[in-house]
Amino acid sequence: MATNQGTPSNQKPHNNYMRYSNMGFQMVVIIGLGVWGGIKLDQVTHLKFPVFTIVLSLLSVMIAIYFVVKDLLKKQ
């Protein structure tokens, strides 16, 4: 009796779902850490304008986009 459970075509949608979910989670963590770090640095330096929050937020978004593009271009 032959079954199709082990064929790559049956596992591909599941693998894609896990791959893209992981990318989204990775983006949230990177951006969250950047924002959190910026807030903490602004609290330590007692600046009136949140310079570190803005800079680290933008930097973390660029880093997150870099990792997503790198993962998307990677061969499966």
PDB file of N, CA and C in Angstrom:
ATOM      1  N   MET A   1       0.844  -1.178   0.000  1.00  0.00           N
ATOM      2  CA  MET A   1       0.000   0.000   0.000  1.00  0.00           C
ATOM      3  C   MET A   1       0.891   1.243   0.000  1.00  0.00           C
ATOM      4  N   ALA A   2       0.756   2.078  -0.973  1.00  0.00           N
ATOM      5  CA  ALA A   2       1.579   3.281  -1.113  1.00  0.00           C
ATOM      6  C   ALA A   2       0.817   4.490  -0.583  1.00  0.00           C
ATOM      7  N   THR A   3       1.524   5.325   0.147  1.00  0.00           N
ATOM      8  CA  THR A   3       0.920   6.561   0.651  1.00  0.00           C
ATOM      9  C   THR A   3       1.726   7.747   0.151  1.00  0.00           C
ATOM     10  N   ASN A   4       1.095   8.896   0.135  1.00  0.00           N
ATOM     11  CA  ASN A   4       1.738  10.116  -0.343  1.00  0.00           C
ATOM     12  C   ASN A   4       2.196  11.017   0.797  1.00  0.00           C
ATOM     13  N   GLN A   5       2.322  10.486   2.006  1.00  0.00           N
ATOM     14  CA  GLN A   5       2.663  11.335   3.139  1.00  0.00           C
ATOM     15  C   GLN A   5       4.081  11.883   3.068  1.00  0.00           C
ATOM     16  N   GLY A   6       5.000  11.162   2.477  1.00  0.00           N
ATOM     17  CA  GLY A   6       6.381  11.597   2.472  1.00  0.00           C
ATOM     18  C   GLY A   6       6.802  12.362   1.247  1.00  0.00           C
ATOM     19  N   THR A   7       5.896  12.668   0.333  1.00  0.00           N
ATOM     20  CA  THR A   7       6.274  13.361  -0.887  1.00  0.00           C
ATOM     21  C   THR A   7       6.518  14.828  -0.611  1.00  0.00           C
ATOM     22  N   PRO A   8       7.476  15.422  -1.300  1.00  0.00           N
ATOM     23  CA  PRO A   8       7.758  16.847  -1.093  1.00  0.00           C
ATOM     24  C   PRO A   8       6.587  17.761  -1.438  1.00  0.00           C
ATOM     25  N   SER A   9       5.743  17.359  -2.391  1.00  0.00           N
ATOM     26  CA  SER A   9       4.623  18.219  -2.781  1.00  0.00           C
ATOM     27  C   SER A   9       3.606  18.353  -1.663  1.00  0.00           C
ATOM     28  N   ASN A  10       3.447  17.338  -0.816  1.00  0.00           N
ATOM     29  CA  ASN A  10       2.528  17.438   0.311  1.00  0.00           C
ATOM     30  C   ASN A  10       3.105  18.274   1.441  1.00  0.00           C
ATOM     31  N   GLN A  11       4.407  18.319   1.581  1.00  0.00           N
ATOM     32  CA  GLN A  11       5.032  19.035   2.679  1.00  0.00           C
ATOM     33  C   GLN A  11       5.365  20.486   2.327  1.00  0.00           C
ATOM     34  N   LYS A  12       5.350  20.848   1.069  1.00  0.00           N
ATOM     35  CA  LYS A  12       5.766  22.188   0.660  1.00  0.00           C
ATOM     36  C   LYS A  12       4.904  23.308   1.264  1.00  0.00           C
ATOM     37  N   PRO A  13       3.567  23.231   1.249  1.00  0.00           N
ATOM     38  CA  PRO A  13       2.789  24.320   1.867  1.00  0.00           C
ATOM     39  C   PRO A  13       3.081  24.456   3.361  1.00  0.00           C
ATOM     40  N   HIS A  14       3.262  23.317   4.029  1.00  0.00           N
ATOM     41  CA  HIS A  14       3.565  23.367   5.455  1.00  0.00           C
ATOM     42  C   HIS A  14       4.932  24.006   5.684  1.00  0.00           C
ATOM     43  N   ASN A  15       5.916  23.657   4.874  1.00  0.00           N
ATOM     44  CA  ASN A  15       7.250  24.239   5.014  1.00  0.00           C
ATOM     45  C   ASN A  15       7.241  25.734   4.722  1.00  0.00           C
ATOM     46  N   ASN A  16       6.486  26.161   3.707  1.00  0.00           N
ATOM     47  CA  ASN A  16       6.393  27.589   3.395  1.00  0.00           C
ATOM     48  C   ASN A  16       5.743  28.361   4.540  1.00  0.00           C
ATOM     49  N   TYR A  17       4.711  27.778   5.118  1.00  0.00           N
ATOM     50  CA  TYR A  17       4.035  28.427   6.246  1.00  0.00           C
ATOM     51  C   TYR A  17       5.009  28.615   7.408  1.00  0.00           C
ATOM     52  N   MET A  18       5.763  27.591   7.730  1.00  0.00           N
ATOM     53  CA  MET A  18       6.730  27.673   8.819  1.00  0.00           C
ATOM     54  C   MET A  18       7.844  28.665   8.488  1.00  0.00           C
ATOM     55  N   ARG A  19       8.277  28.675   7.244  1.00  0.00           N
ATOM     56  CA  ARG A  19       9.362  29.570   6.823  1.00  0.00           C
ATOM     57  C   ARG A  19       8.945  31.039   6.959  1.00  0.00           C
ATOM     58  N   TYR A  20       7.764  31.374   6.460  1.00  0.00           N
ATOM     59  CA  TYR A  20       7.319  32.763   6.512  1.00  0.00           C
ATOM     60  C   TYR A  20       6.897  33.174   7.918  1.00  0.00           C
ATOM     61  N   SER A  21       6.372  32.253   8.691  1.00  0.00           N
ATOM     62  CA  SER A  21       6.059  32.559  10.083  1.00  0.00           C
ATOM     63  C   SER A  21       7.325  32.865  10.857  1.00  0.00           C
ATOM     64  N   ASN A  22       8.367  32.096  10.587  1.00  0.00           N
ATOM     65  CA  ASN A  22       9.646  32.331  11.248  1.00  0.00           C
ATOM     66  C   ASN A  22      10.218  33.692  10.862  1.00  0.00           C
ATOM     67  N   MET A  23      10.085  34.074   9.600  1.00  0.00           N
ATOM     68  CA  MET A  23      10.570  35.386   9.162  1.00  0.00           C
ATOM     69  C   MET A  23       9.829  36.510   9.882  1.00  0.00           C
ATOM     70  N   GLY A  24       8.527  36.378  10.006  1.00  0.00           N
ATOM     71  CA  GLY A  24       7.740  37.397  10.701  1.00  0.00           C
ATOM     72  C   GLY A  24       8.120  37.497  12.168  1.00  0.00           C
ATOM     73  N   PHE A  25       8.294  36.356  12.811  1.00  0.00           N
ATOM     74  CA  PHE A  25       8.693  36.350  14.210  1.00  0.00           C
ATOM     75  C   PHE A  25      10.080  36.963  14.379  1.00  0.00           C
ATOM     76  N   GLN A  26      10.974  36.651  13.469  1.00  0.00           N
ATOM     77  CA  GLN A  26      12.329  37.193  13.509  1.00  0.00           C
ATOM     78  C   GLN A  26      12.295  38.717  13.357  1.00  0.00           C
ATOM     79  N   MET A  27      11.463  39.219  12.460  1.00  0.00           N
ATOM     80  CA  MET A  27      11.343  40.664  12.273  1.00  0.00           C
ATOM     81  C   MET A  27      10.824  41.342  13.539  1.00  0.00           C
ATOM     82  N   VAL A  28       9.809  40.752  14.156  1.00  0.00           N
ATOM     83  CA  VAL A  28       9.226  41.329  15.370  1.00  0.00           C
ATOM     84  C   VAL A  28      10.269  41.391  16.480  1.00  0.00           C
ATOM     85  N   VAL A  29      11.060  40.332  16.622  1.00  0.00           N
ATOM     86  CA  VAL A  29      12.071  40.305  17.683  1.00  0.00           C
ATOM     87  C   VAL A  29      13.158  41.346  17.422  1.00  0.00           C
ATOM     88  N   ILE A  30      13.654  41.422  16.196  1.00  0.00           N
ATOM     89  CA  ILE A  30      14.719  42.379  15.880  1.00  0.00           C
ATOM     90  C   ILE A  30      14.246  43.814  16.082  1.00  0.00           C
ATOM     91  N   ILE A  31      13.074  44.140  15.562  1.00  0.00           N
ATOM     92  CA  ILE A  31      12.557  45.503  15.696  1.00  0.00           C
ATOM     93  C   ILE A  31      12.220  45.811  17.154  1.00  0.00           C
ATOM     94  N   GLY A  32      11.646  44.854  17.845  1.00  0.00           N
ATOM     95  CA  GLY A  32      11.322  45.052  19.263  1.00  0.00           C
ATOM     96  C   GLY A  32      12.554  45.311  20.113  1.00  0.00           C
ATOM     97  N   LEU A  33      13.621  44.546  19.861  1.00  0.00           N
ATOM     98  CA  LEU A  33      14.863  44.774  20.603  1.00  0.00           C
ATOM     99  C   LEU A  33      15.476  46.132  20.279  1.00  0.00           C
ATOM    100  N   GLY A  34      15.384  46.546  19.024  1.00  0.00           N
ATOM    101  CA  GLY A  34      15.906  47.856  18.645  1.00  0.00           C
ATOM    102  C   GLY A  34      15.159  48.989  19.322  1.00  0.00           C
ATOM    103  N   VAL A  35      13.845  48.895  19.349  1.00  0.00           N
ATOM    104  CA  VAL A  35      13.034  49.938  19.991  1.00  0.00           C
ATOM    105  C   VAL A  35      13.286  49.946  21.495  1.00  0.00           C
ATOM    106  N   TRP A  36      13.312  48.757  22.094  1.00  0.00           N
ATOM    107  CA  TRP A  36      13.542  48.652  23.538  1.00  0.00           C
ATOM    108  C   TRP A  36      14.910  49.225  23.908  1.00  0.00           C
ATOM    109  N   GLY A  37      15.930  48.883  23.121  1.00  0.00           N
ATOM    110  CA  GLY A  37      17.267  49.410  23.377  1.00  0.00           C
ATOM    111  C   GLY A  37      17.321  50.924  23.236  1.00  0.00           C
ATOM    112  N   GLY A  38      16.625  51.451  22.240  1.00  0.00           N
ATOM    113  CA  GLY A  38      16.588  52.905  22.059  1.00  0.00           C
ATOM    114  C   GLY A  38      15.904  53.610  23.209  1.00  0.00           C
ATOM    115  N   ILE A  39      14.820  53.041  23.688  1.00  0.00           N
ATOM    116  CA  ILE A  39      14.112  53.637  24.829  1.00  0.00           C
ATOM    117  C   ILE A  39      14.992  53.630  26.063  1.00  0.00           C
ATOM    118  N   LYS A  40      15.658  52.510  26.305  1.00  0.00           N
ATOM    119  CA  LYS A  40      16.535  52.413  27.483  1.00  0.00           C
ATOM    120  C   LYS A  40      17.694  53.408  27.392  1.00  0.00           C
ATOM    121  N   LEU A  41      18.301  53.530  26.207  1.00  0.00           N
ATOM    122  CA  LEU A  41      19.397  54.500  26.048  1.00  0.00           C
ATOM    123  C   LEU A  41      18.912  55.935  26.240  1.00  0.00           C
ATOM    124  N   ASP A  42      17.716  56.235  25.769  1.00  0.00           N
ATOM    125  CA  ASP A  42      17.167  57.577  25.969  1.00  0.00           C
ATOM    126  C   ASP A  42      16.885  57.843  27.450  1.00  0.00           C
ATOM    127  N   GLN A  43      16.461  56.823  28.179  1.00  0.00           N
ATOM    128  CA  GLN A  43      16.226  56.995  29.611  1.00  0.00           C
ATOM    129  C   GLN A  43      17.532  57.227  30.364  1.00  0.00           C
ATOM    130  N   VAL A  44      18.588  56.542  29.951  1.00  0.00           N
ATOM    131  CA  VAL A  44      19.878  56.684  30.628  1.00  0.00           C
ATOM    132  C   VAL A  44      20.497  58.048  30.347  1.00  0.00           C
ATOM    133  N   THR A  45      20.388  58.516  29.107  1.00  0.00           N
ATOM    134  CA  THR A  45      21.022  59.779  28.735  1.00  0.00           C
ATOM    135  C   THR A  45      20.184  61.001  29.093  1.00  0.00           C
ATOM    136  N   HIS A  46      18.927  60.826  29.449  1.00  0.00           N
ATOM    137  CA  HIS A  46      18.020  61.910  29.840  1.00  0.00           C
ATOM    138  C   HIS A  46      17.894  62.988  28.758  1.00  0.00           C
ATOM    139  N   LEU A  47      17.833  62.567  27.513  1.00  0.00           N
ATOM    140  CA  LEU A  47      17.641  63.519  26.420  1.00  0.00           C
ATOM    141  C   LEU A  47      16.171  63.904  26.315  1.00  0.00           C
ATOM    142  N   LYS A  48      15.921  65.155  25.926  1.00  0.00           N
ATOM    143  CA  LYS A  48      14.535  65.609  25.768  1.00  0.00           C
ATOM    144  C   LYS A  48      13.920  65.040  24.492  1.00  0.00           C
ATOM    145  N   PHE A  49      14.741  64.860  23.468  1.00  0.00           N
ATOM    146  CA  PHE A  49      14.264  64.314  22.197  1.00  0.00           C
ATOM    147  C   PHE A  49      14.743  62.863  22.096  1.00  0.00           C
ATOM    148  N   PRO A  50      13.872  61.926  21.745  1.00  0.00           N
ATOM    149  CA  PRO A  50      14.237  60.493  21.739  1.00  0.00           C
ATOM    150  C   PRO A  50      15.109  60.094  20.542  1.00  0.00           C
ATOM    151  N   VAL A  51      16.333  60.565  20.533  1.00  0.00           N
ATOM    152  CA  VAL A  51      17.244  60.327  19.410  1.00  0.00           C
ATOM    153  C   VAL A  51      17.546  58.840  19.257  1.00  0.00           C
ATOM    154  N   PHE A  52      17.930  58.198  20.347  1.00  0.00           N
ATOM    155  CA  PHE A  52      18.316  56.786  20.273  1.00  0.00           C
ATOM    156  C   PHE A  52      17.141  55.895  19.889  1.00  0.00           C
ATOM    157  N   THR A  53      15.954  56.220  20.340  1.00  0.00           N
ATOM    158  CA  THR A  53      14.781  55.435  19.975  1.00  0.00           C
ATOM    159  C   THR A  53      14.537  55.500  18.470  1.00  0.00           C
ATOM    160  N   ILE A  54      14.626  56.675  17.913  1.00  0.00           N
ATOM    161  CA  ILE A  54      14.403  56.839  16.473  1.00  0.00           C
ATOM    162  C   ILE A  54      15.499  56.153  15.667  1.00  0.00           C
ATOM    163  N   VAL A  55      16.757  56.389  16.047  1.00  0.00           N
ATOM    164  CA  VAL A  55      17.877  55.825  15.290  1.00  0.00           C
ATOM    165  C   VAL A  55      17.888  54.301  15.371  1.00  0.00           C
ATOM    166  N   LEU A  56      17.754  53.755  16.570  1.00  0.00           N
ATOM    167  CA  LEU A  56      17.784  52.302  16.714  1.00  0.00           C
ATOM    168  C   LEU A  56      16.542  51.643  16.120  1.00  0.00           C
ATOM    169  N   SER A  57      15.414  52.325  16.137  1.00  0.00           N
ATOM    170  CA  SER A  57      14.212  51.774  15.493  1.00  0.00           C
ATOM    171  C   SER A  57      14.418  51.653  13.988  1.00  0.00           C
ATOM    172  N   LEU A  58      14.917  52.714  13.372  1.00  0.00           N
ATOM    173  CA  LEU A  58      15.161  52.674  11.934  1.00  0.00           C
ATOM    174  C   LEU A  58      16.247  51.666  11.572  1.00  0.00           C
ATOM    175  N   LEU A  59      17.293  51.606  12.379  1.00  0.00           N
ATOM    176  CA  LEU A  59      18.366  50.650  12.138  1.00  0.00           C
ATOM    177  C   LEU A  59      17.870  49.212  12.263  1.00  0.00           C
ATOM    178  N   SER A  60      17.047  48.947  13.259  1.00  0.00           N
ATOM    179  CA  SER A  60      16.534  47.593  13.437  1.00  0.00           C
ATOM    180  C   SER A  60      15.572  47.208  12.315  1.00  0.00           C
ATOM    181  N   VAL A  61      14.813  48.147  11.785  1.00  0.00           N
ATOM    182  CA  VAL A  61      13.952  47.846  10.640  1.00  0.00           C
ATOM    183  C   VAL A  61      14.796  47.496   9.425  1.00  0.00           C
ATOM    184  N   MET A  62      15.878  48.242   9.206  1.00  0.00           N
ATOM    185  CA  MET A  62      16.758  47.931   8.070  1.00  0.00           C
ATOM    186  C   MET A  62      17.426  46.569   8.238  1.00  0.00           C
ATOM    187  N   ILE A  63      17.832  46.238   9.450  1.00  0.00           N
ATOM    188  CA  ILE A  63      18.441  44.934   9.702  1.00  0.00           C
ATOM    189  C   ILE A  63      17.419  43.817   9.482  1.00  0.00           C
ATOM    190  N   ALA A  64      16.194  44.017   9.951  1.00  0.00           N
ATOM    191  CA  ALA A  64      15.152  43.010   9.772  1.00  0.00           C
ATOM    192  C   ALA A  64      14.849  42.794   8.290  1.00  0.00           C
ATOM    193  N   ILE A  65      14.775  43.872   7.526  1.00  0.00           N
ATOM    194  CA  ILE A  65      14.527  43.748   6.082  1.00  0.00           C
ATOM    195  C   ILE A  65      15.687  43.026   5.407  1.00  0.00           C
ATOM    196  N   TYR A  66      16.918  43.308   5.836  1.00  0.00           N
ATOM    197  CA  TYR A  66      18.081  42.624   5.273  1.00  0.00           C
ATOM    198  C   TYR A  66      17.975  41.113   5.487  1.00  0.00           C
ATOM    199  N   PHE A  67      17.624  40.700   6.711  1.00  0.00           N
ATOM    200  CA  PHE A  67      17.510  39.268   6.987  1.00  0.00           C
ATOM    201  C   PHE A  67      16.378  38.617   6.192  1.00  0.00           C
ATOM    202  N   VAL A  68      15.274  39.305   6.020  1.00  0.00           N
ATOM    203  CA  VAL A  68      14.159  38.743   5.251  1.00  0.00           C
ATOM    204  C   VAL A  68      14.552  38.589   3.781  1.00  0.00           C
ATOM    205  N   VAL A  69      15.171  39.605   3.211  1.00  0.00           N
ATOM    206  CA  VAL A  69      15.594  39.517   1.810  1.00  0.00           C
ATOM    207  C   VAL A  69      16.624  38.401   1.637  1.00  0.00           C
ATOM    208  N   LYS A  70      17.555  38.304   2.586  1.00  0.00           N
ATOM    209  CA  LYS A  70      18.565  37.245   2.524  1.00  0.00           C
ATOM    210  C   LYS A  70      17.901  35.865   2.579  1.00  0.00           C
ATOM    211  N   ASP A  71      16.896  35.699   3.456  1.00  0.00           N
ATOM    212  CA  ASP A  71      16.196  34.417   3.541  1.00  0.00           C
ATOM    213  C   ASP A  71      15.364  34.131   2.302  1.00  0.00           C
ATOM    214  N   LEU A  72      14.772  35.157   1.705  1.00  0.00           N
ATOM    215  CA  LEU A  72      13.956  34.956   0.513  1.00  0.00           C
ATOM    216  C   LEU A  72      14.815  34.571  -0.706  1.00  0.00           C
ATOM    217  N   LEU A  73      16.017  35.113  -0.777  1.00  0.00           N
ATOM    218  CA  LEU A  73      16.884  34.816  -1.904  1.00  0.00           C
ATOM    219  C   LEU A  73      17.623  33.491  -1.746  1.00  0.00           C
ATOM    220  N   LYS A  74      17.626  32.947  -0.525  1.00  0.00           N
ATOM    221  CA  LYS A  74      18.306  31.680  -0.283  1.00  0.00           C
ATOM    222  C   LYS A  74      17.551  30.558  -0.994  1.00  0.00           C
ATOM    223  N   LYS A  75      18.307  29.677  -1.657  1.00  0.00           N
ATOM    224  CA  LYS A  75      17.676  28.561  -2.346  1.00  0.00           C
ATOM    225  C   LYS A  75      17.073  27.603  -1.345  1.00  0.00           C
ATOM    226  N   GLN A  76      15.936  27.040  -1.731  1.00  0.00           N
ATOM    227  CA  GLN A  76      15.256  26.098  -0.834  1.00  0.00           C
ATOM    228  C   GLN A  76      15.912  24.780  -0.911  1.00  0.00           C
TER     229      GLN A  76
END
